[in-house]
Each structure stands twice: as structure tokens, then as C-alpha cells.
Amino acid sequence: MNIDRAVLAFAGCVNLVAVALTYYVSPHWLLLAAFVGLNMLQASVTGICPSAMVFKALGLRKGEAFR
């Protein structure tokens, strides 16, 4: 698995958790889903993603989007 796939999988999992928490706990958890979406938008514009930096430090191989 490369960094790009790991970032997308992580963002997808966090969004699914946010939706479940919104349904079962509180609508305030939608803020987490909004944060993930905004972070993905920011990363697409700047090419800098905090989770990509973490995955790089963990030793995942480089992808095309985040180096």
C-alpha cells in the first residue's frame, strides 16, 4: 500500500465513523466529517497532508499525489 491509498482509506474510515457517531450519538459529529472534507480539499490544492506525513514516517512507500 502506498501513501495515497492509505490517506484515502483513512479519510473514508473517519468519515464513516463520523456518520455513525452522528446517527447514534449527536449531530455535532458532522463537524468531524466537515473537517475531513476540508482537509482533503486543502490537500488537493497545496499537496500537503498531515496524515500523509504520518504515513510517510511509518514507512509507507511514496505515491503519486503526496511525496
PDB file of N, CA and C in Angstrom:
ATOM      1  N   MET A   1       0.847  -1.176   0.000  1.00  0.00           N
ATOM      2  CA  MET A   1       0.000   0.000   0.000  1.00  0.00           C
ATOM      3  C   MET A   1       0.891   1.237   0.000  1.00  0.00           C
ATOM      4  N   ASN A   2       0.511   2.220  -0.819  1.00  0.00           N
ATOM      5  CA  ASN A   2       1.290   3.456  -0.836  1.00  0.00           C
ATOM      6  C   ASN A   2       0.567   4.541  -0.026  1.00  0.00           C
ATOM      7  N   ILE A   3       1.213   5.690   0.104  1.00  0.00           N
ATOM      8  CA  ILE A   3       0.695   6.772   0.932  1.00  0.00           C
ATOM      9  C   ILE A   3      -0.657   7.262   0.408  1.00  0.00           C
ATOM     10  N   ASP A   4      -0.792   7.372  -0.898  1.00  0.00           N
ATOM     11  CA  ASP A   4      -2.047   7.881  -1.469  1.00  0.00           C
ATOM     12  C   ASP A   4      -3.236   7.014  -1.064  1.00  0.00           C
ATOM     13  N   ARG A   5      -3.090   5.726  -1.211  1.00  0.00           N
ATOM     14  CA  ARG A   5      -4.190   4.813  -0.856  1.00  0.00           C
ATOM     15  C   ARG A   5      -4.467   4.831   0.645  1.00  0.00           C
ATOM     16  N   ALA A   6      -3.407   4.934   1.433  1.00  0.00           N
ATOM     17  CA  ALA A   6      -3.583   4.971   2.884  1.00  0.00           C
ATOM     18  C   ALA A   6      -4.324   6.229   3.317  1.00  0.00           C
ATOM     19  N   VAL A   7      -3.998   7.361   2.708  1.00  0.00           N
ATOM     20  CA  VAL A   7      -4.687   8.616   3.038  1.00  0.00           C
ATOM     21  C   VAL A   7      -6.166   8.519   2.672  1.00  0.00           C
ATOM     22  N   LEU A   8      -6.467   8.020   1.496  1.00  0.00           N
ATOM     23  CA  LEU A   8      -7.864   7.889   1.077  1.00  0.00           C
ATOM     24  C   LEU A   8      -8.630   6.905   1.958  1.00  0.00           C
ATOM     25  N   ALA A   9      -7.997   5.795   2.307  1.00  0.00           N
ATOM     26  CA  ALA A   9      -8.655   4.816   3.180  1.00  0.00           C
ATOM     27  C   ALA A   9      -8.898   5.399   4.571  1.00  0.00           C
ATOM     28  N   PHE A  10      -7.927   6.124   5.091  1.00  0.00           N
ATOM     29  CA  PHE A  10      -8.076   6.737   6.409  1.00  0.00           C
ATOM     30  C   PHE A  10      -9.187   7.780   6.402  1.00  0.00           C
ATOM     31  N   ALA A  11      -9.209   8.632   5.384  1.00  0.00           N
ATOM     32  CA  ALA A  11     -10.252   9.658   5.297  1.00  0.00           C
ATOM     33  C   ALA A  11     -11.630   9.024   5.161  1.00  0.00           C
ATOM     34  N   GLY A  12     -11.729   7.974   4.371  1.00  0.00           N
ATOM     35  CA  GLY A  12     -13.012   7.288   4.220  1.00  0.00           C
ATOM     36  C   GLY A  12     -13.484   6.657   5.515  1.00  0.00           C
ATOM     37  N   CYS A  13     -12.579   6.026   6.232  1.00  0.00           N
ATOM     38  CA  CYS A  13     -12.940   5.407   7.512  1.00  0.00           C
ATOM     39  C   CYS A  13     -13.361   6.453   8.539  1.00  0.00           C
ATOM     40  N   VAL A  14     -12.636   7.565   8.605  1.00  0.00           N
ATOM     41  CA  VAL A  14     -13.003   8.616   9.560  1.00  0.00           C
ATOM     42  C   VAL A  14     -14.367   9.193   9.219  1.00  0.00           C
ATOM     43  N   ASN A  15     -14.651   9.367   7.930  1.00  0.00           N
ATOM     44  CA  ASN A  15     -15.967   9.873   7.538  1.00  0.00           C
ATOM     45  C   ASN A  15     -17.075   8.885   7.879  1.00  0.00           C
ATOM     46  N   LEU A  16     -16.858   7.606   7.680  1.00  0.00           N
ATOM     47  CA  LEU A  16     -17.866   6.614   8.041  1.00  0.00           C
ATOM     48  C   LEU A  16     -18.101   6.583   9.544  1.00  0.00           C
ATOM     49  N   VAL A  17     -17.035   6.703  10.319  1.00  0.00           N
ATOM     50  CA  VAL A  17     -17.176   6.762  11.776  1.00  0.00           C
ATOM     51  C   VAL A  17     -17.951   8.015  12.174  1.00  0.00           C
ATOM     52  N   ALA A  18     -17.660   9.145  11.519  1.00  0.00           N
ATOM     53  CA  ALA A  18     -18.373  10.387  11.825  1.00  0.00           C
ATOM     54  C   ALA A  18     -19.859  10.264  11.517  1.00  0.00           C
ATOM     55  N   VAL A  19     -20.203   9.612  10.423  1.00  0.00           N
ATOM     56  CA  VAL A  19     -21.617   9.419  10.082  1.00  0.00           C
ATOM     57  C   VAL A  19     -22.297   8.525  11.112  1.00  0.00           C
ATOM     58  N   ALA A  20     -21.635   7.458  11.516  1.00  0.00           N
ATOM     59  CA  ALA A  20     -22.216   6.569  12.525  1.00  0.00           C
ATOM     60  C   ALA A  20     -22.390   7.290  13.858  1.00  0.00           C
ATOM     61  N   LEU A  21     -21.388   8.056  14.266  1.00  0.00           N
ATOM     62  CA  LEU A  21     -21.498   8.803  15.517  1.00  0.00           C
ATOM     63  C   LEU A  21     -22.588   9.869  15.439  1.00  0.00           C
ATOM     64  N   THR A  22     -22.755  10.469  14.272  1.00  0.00           N
ATOM     65  CA  THR A  22     -23.833  11.448  14.093  1.00  0.00           C
ATOM     66  C   THR A  22     -25.183  10.780  14.273  1.00  0.00           C
ATOM     67  N   TYR A  23     -25.341   9.607  13.709  1.00  0.00           N
ATOM     68  CA  TYR A  23     -26.619   8.904  13.780  1.00  0.00           C
ATOM     69  C   TYR A  23     -26.923   8.405  15.195  1.00  0.00           C
ATOM     70  N   TYR A  24     -25.914   7.839  15.841  1.00  0.00           N
ATOM     71  CA  TYR A  24     -26.149   7.194  17.134  1.00  0.00           C
ATOM     72  C   TYR A  24     -25.906   8.093  18.354  1.00  0.00           C
ATOM     73  N   VAL A  25     -25.085   9.131  18.221  1.00  0.00           N
ATOM     74  CA  VAL A  25     -24.690   9.906  19.397  1.00  0.00           C
ATOM     75  C   VAL A  25     -25.212  11.341  19.340  1.00  0.00           C
ATOM     76  N   SER A  26     -24.714  12.111  18.372  1.00  0.00           N
ATOM     77  CA  SER A  26     -25.054  13.529  18.345  1.00  0.00           C
ATOM     78  C   SER A  26     -24.792  14.101  16.953  1.00  0.00           C
ATOM     79  N   PRO A  27     -25.623  15.034  16.518  1.00  0.00           N
ATOM     80  CA  PRO A  27     -25.384  15.675  15.218  1.00  0.00           C
ATOM     81  C   PRO A  27     -24.104  16.519  15.181  1.00  0.00           C
ATOM     82  N   HIS A  28     -23.556  16.811  16.340  1.00  0.00           N
ATOM     83  CA  HIS A  28     -22.320  17.590  16.382  1.00  0.00           C
ATOM     84  C   HIS A  28     -21.144  16.860  15.729  1.00  0.00           C
ATOM     85  N   TRP A  29     -21.238  15.548  15.590  1.00  0.00           N
ATOM     86  CA  TRP A  29     -20.169  14.787  14.958  1.00  0.00           C
ATOM     87  C   TRP A  29     -20.047  15.086  13.470  1.00  0.00           C
ATOM     88  N   LEU A  30     -21.028  15.784  12.897  1.00  0.00           N
ATOM     89  CA  LEU A  30     -20.900  16.197  11.499  1.00  0.00           C
ATOM     90  C   LEU A  30     -19.720  17.148  11.313  1.00  0.00           C
ATOM     91  N   LEU A  31     -19.323  17.815  12.377  1.00  0.00           N
ATOM     92  CA  LEU A  31     -18.150  18.688  12.304  1.00  0.00           C
ATOM     93  C   LEU A  31     -16.888  17.893  11.962  1.00  0.00           C
ATOM     94  N   LEU A  32     -16.806  16.660  12.442  1.00  0.00           N
ATOM     95  CA  LEU A  32     -15.658  15.808  12.104  1.00  0.00           C
ATOM     96  C   LEU A  32     -15.657  15.497  10.612  1.00  0.00           C
ATOM     97  N   ALA A  33     -16.815  15.159  10.067  1.00  0.00           N
ATOM     98  CA  ALA A  33     -16.907  14.877   8.633  1.00  0.00           C
ATOM     99  C   ALA A  33     -16.555  16.120   7.816  1.00  0.00           C
ATOM    100  N   ALA A  34     -17.007  17.292   8.280  1.00  0.00           N
ATOM    101  CA  ALA A  34     -16.679  18.538   7.585  1.00  0.00           C
ATOM    102  C   ALA A  34     -15.181  18.816   7.649  1.00  0.00           C
ATOM    103  N   PHE A  35     -14.563  18.539   8.787  1.00  0.00           N
ATOM    104  CA  PHE A  35     -13.119  18.736   8.931  1.00  0.00           C
ATOM    105  C   PHE A  35     -12.350  17.847   7.958  1.00  0.00           C
ATOM    106  N   VAL A  36     -12.766  16.605   7.835  1.00  0.00           N
ATOM    107  CA  VAL A  36     -12.094  15.682   6.916  1.00  0.00           C
ATOM    108  C   VAL A  36     -12.236  16.185   5.481  1.00  0.00           C
ATOM    109  N   GLY A  37     -13.444  16.615   5.122  1.00  0.00           N
ATOM    110  CA  GLY A  37     -13.661  17.133   3.773  1.00  0.00           C
ATOM    111  C   GLY A  37     -12.837  18.372   3.484  1.00  0.00           C
ATOM    112  N   LEU A  38     -12.769  19.288   4.433  1.00  0.00           N
ATOM    113  CA  LEU A  38     -11.960  20.495   4.253  1.00  0.00           C
ATOM    114  C   LEU A  38     -10.476  20.169   4.159  1.00  0.00           C
ATOM    115  N   ASN A  39     -10.026  19.189   4.947  1.00  0.00           N
ATOM    116  CA  ASN A  39      -8.627  18.790   4.891  1.00  0.00           C
ATOM    117  C   ASN A  39      -8.295  18.159   3.541  1.00  0.00           C
ATOM    118  N   MET A  40      -9.222  17.374   2.993  1.00  0.00           N
ATOM    119  CA  MET A  40      -8.996  16.781   1.677  1.00  0.00           C
ATOM    120  C   MET A  40      -8.940  17.859   0.593  1.00  0.00           C
ATOM    121  N   LEU A  41      -9.802  18.858   0.704  1.00  0.00           N
ATOM    122  CA  LEU A  41      -9.786  19.962  -0.252  1.00  0.00           C
ATOM    123  C   LEU A  41      -8.473  20.741  -0.160  1.00  0.00           C
ATOM    124  N   GLN A  42      -8.046  21.034   1.055  1.00  0.00           N
ATOM    125  CA  GLN A  42      -6.789  21.748   1.259  1.00  0.00           C
ATOM    126  C   GLN A  42      -5.616  20.946   0.706  1.00  0.00           C
ATOM    127  N   ALA A  43      -5.614  19.652   0.933  1.00  0.00           N
ATOM    128  CA  ALA A  43      -4.521  18.805   0.453  1.00  0.00           C
ATOM    129  C   ALA A  43      -4.497  18.741  -1.074  1.00  0.00           C
ATOM    130  N   SER A  44      -5.662  18.779  -1.697  1.00  0.00           N
ATOM    131  CA  SER A  44      -5.699  18.737  -3.159  1.00  0.00           C
ATOM    132  C   SER A  44      -5.143  20.012  -3.776  1.00  0.00           C
ATOM    133  N   VAL A  45      -5.284  21.129  -3.065  1.00  0.00           N
ATOM    134  CA  VAL A  45      -4.790  22.402  -3.577  1.00  0.00           C
ATOM    135  C   VAL A  45      -3.300  22.577  -3.290  1.00  0.00           C
ATOM    136  N   THR A  46      -2.881  22.257  -2.079  1.00  0.00           N
ATOM    137  CA  THR A  46      -1.498  22.518  -1.673  1.00  0.00           C
ATOM    138  C   THR A  46      -0.564  21.328  -1.846  1.00  0.00           C
ATOM    139  N   GLY A  47      -1.106  20.111  -1.858  1.00  0.00           N
ATOM    140  CA  GLY A  47      -0.266  18.920  -1.921  1.00  0.00           C
ATOM    141  C   GLY A  47       0.334  18.545  -0.583  1.00  0.00           C
ATOM    142  N   ILE A  48      -0.088  19.223   0.484  1.00  0.00           N
ATOM    143  CA  ILE A  48       0.424  18.943   1.825  1.00  0.00           C
ATOM    144  C   ILE A  48      -0.701  18.349   2.656  1.00  0.00           C
ATOM    145  N   CYS A  49      -0.465  17.169   3.212  1.00  0.00           N
ATOM    146  CA  CYS A  49      -1.487  16.488   4.002  1.00  0.00           C
ATOM    147  C   CYS A  49      -0.849  15.949   5.288  1.00  0.00           C
ATOM    148  N   PRO A  50      -1.384  16.347   6.447  1.00  0.00           N
ATOM    149  CA  PRO A  50      -0.805  15.878   7.705  1.00  0.00           C
ATOM    150  C   PRO A  50      -0.800  14.355   7.836  1.00  0.00           C
ATOM    151  N   SER A  51      -1.874  13.702   7.415  1.00  0.00           N
ATOM    152  CA  SER A  51      -1.891  12.238   7.541  1.00  0.00           C
ATOM    153  C   SER A  51      -0.889  11.593   6.596  1.00  0.00           C
ATOM    154  N   ALA A  52      -0.632  12.201   5.441  1.00  0.00           N
ATOM    155  CA  ALA A  52       0.388  11.674   4.537  1.00  0.00           C
ATOM    156  C   ALA A  52       1.766  11.745   5.176  1.00  0.00           C
ATOM    157  N   MET A  53       2.006  12.811   5.936  1.00  0.00           N
ATOM    158  CA  MET A  53       3.286  12.935   6.634  1.00  0.00           C
ATOM    159  C   MET A  53       3.444  11.834   7.682  1.00  0.00           C
ATOM    160  N   VAL A  54       2.355  11.518   8.362  1.00  0.00           N
ATOM    161  CA  VAL A  54       2.392  10.448   9.368  1.00  0.00           C
ATOM    162  C   VAL A  54       2.647   9.104   8.697  1.00  0.00           C
ATOM    163  N   PHE A  55       1.928   8.838   7.605  1.00  0.00           N
ATOM    164  CA  PHE A  55       2.113   7.562   6.912  1.00  0.00           C
ATOM    165  C   PHE A  55       3.520   7.447   6.330  1.00  0.00           C
ATOM    166  N   LYS A  56       4.093   8.565   5.885  1.00  0.00           N
ATOM    167  CA  LYS A  56       5.467   8.545   5.382  1.00  0.00           C
ATOM    168  C   LYS A  56       6.438   8.190   6.508  1.00  0.00           C
ATOM    169  N   ALA A  57       6.195   8.767   7.694  1.00  0.00           N
ATOM    170  CA  ALA A  57       7.051   8.466   8.845  1.00  0.00           C
ATOM    171  C   ALA A  57       6.922   7.008   9.271  1.00  0.00           C
ATOM    172  N   LEU A  58       5.756   6.409   9.012  1.00  0.00           N
ATOM    173  CA  LEU A  58       5.549   4.996   9.344  1.00  0.00           C
ATOM    174  C   LEU A  58       6.186   4.060   8.319  1.00  0.00           C
ATOM    175  N   GLY A  59       6.690   4.624   7.218  1.00  0.00           N
ATOM    176  CA  GLY A  59       7.439   3.818   6.266  1.00  0.00           C
ATOM    177  C   GLY A  59       6.677   3.360   5.043  1.00  0.00           C
ATOM    178  N   LEU A  60       5.506   3.901   4.789  1.00  0.00           N
ATOM    179  CA  LEU A  60       4.794   3.534   3.568  1.00  0.00           C
ATOM    180  C   LEU A  60       5.519   4.122   2.372  1.00  0.00           C
ATOM    181  N   ARG A  61       5.419   3.423   1.254  1.00  0.00           N
ATOM    182  CA  ARG A  61       6.126   3.910   0.070  1.00  0.00           C
ATOM    183  C   ARG A  61       5.371   5.074  -0.563  1.00  0.00           C
ATOM    184  N   LYS A  62       6.099   5.895  -1.283  1.00  0.00           N
ATOM    185  CA  LYS A  62       5.546   7.098  -1.877  1.00  0.00           C
ATOM    186  C   LYS A  62       4.544   6.759  -2.972  1.00  0.00           C
ATOM    187  N   GLY A  63       3.569   7.653  -3.116  1.00  0.00           N
ATOM    188  CA  GLY A  63       2.595   7.544  -4.200  1.00  0.00           C
ATOM    189  C   GLY A  63       2.803   8.664  -5.194  1.00  0.00           C
ATOM    190  N   GLU A  64       1.792   8.940  -5.965  1.00  0.00           N
ATOM    191  CA  GLU A  64       1.883   9.995  -6.962  1.00  0.00           C
ATOM    192  C   GLU A  64       1.474  11.348  -6.407  1.00  0.00           C
ATOM    193  N   ALA A  65       0.497  11.386  -5.505  1.00  0.00           N
ATOM    194  CA  ALA A  65      -0.043  12.661  -5.031  1.00  0.00           C
ATOM    195  C   ALA A  65       0.785  13.269  -3.904  1.00  0.00           C
ATOM    196  N   PHE A  66       1.125  12.489  -2.915  1.00  0.00           N
ATOM    197  CA  PHE A  66       1.826  13.000  -1.735  1.00  0.00           C
ATOM    198  C   PHE A  66       3.221  12.416  -1.688  1.00  0.00           C
ATOM    199  N   ARG A  67       4.227  13.256  -1.756  1.00  0.00           N
ATOM    200  CA  ARG A  67       5.605  12.746  -1.778  1.00  0.00           C
ATOM    201  C   ARG A  67       6.347  13.126  -0.551  1.00  0.00           C
TER     202      ARG A  67
END
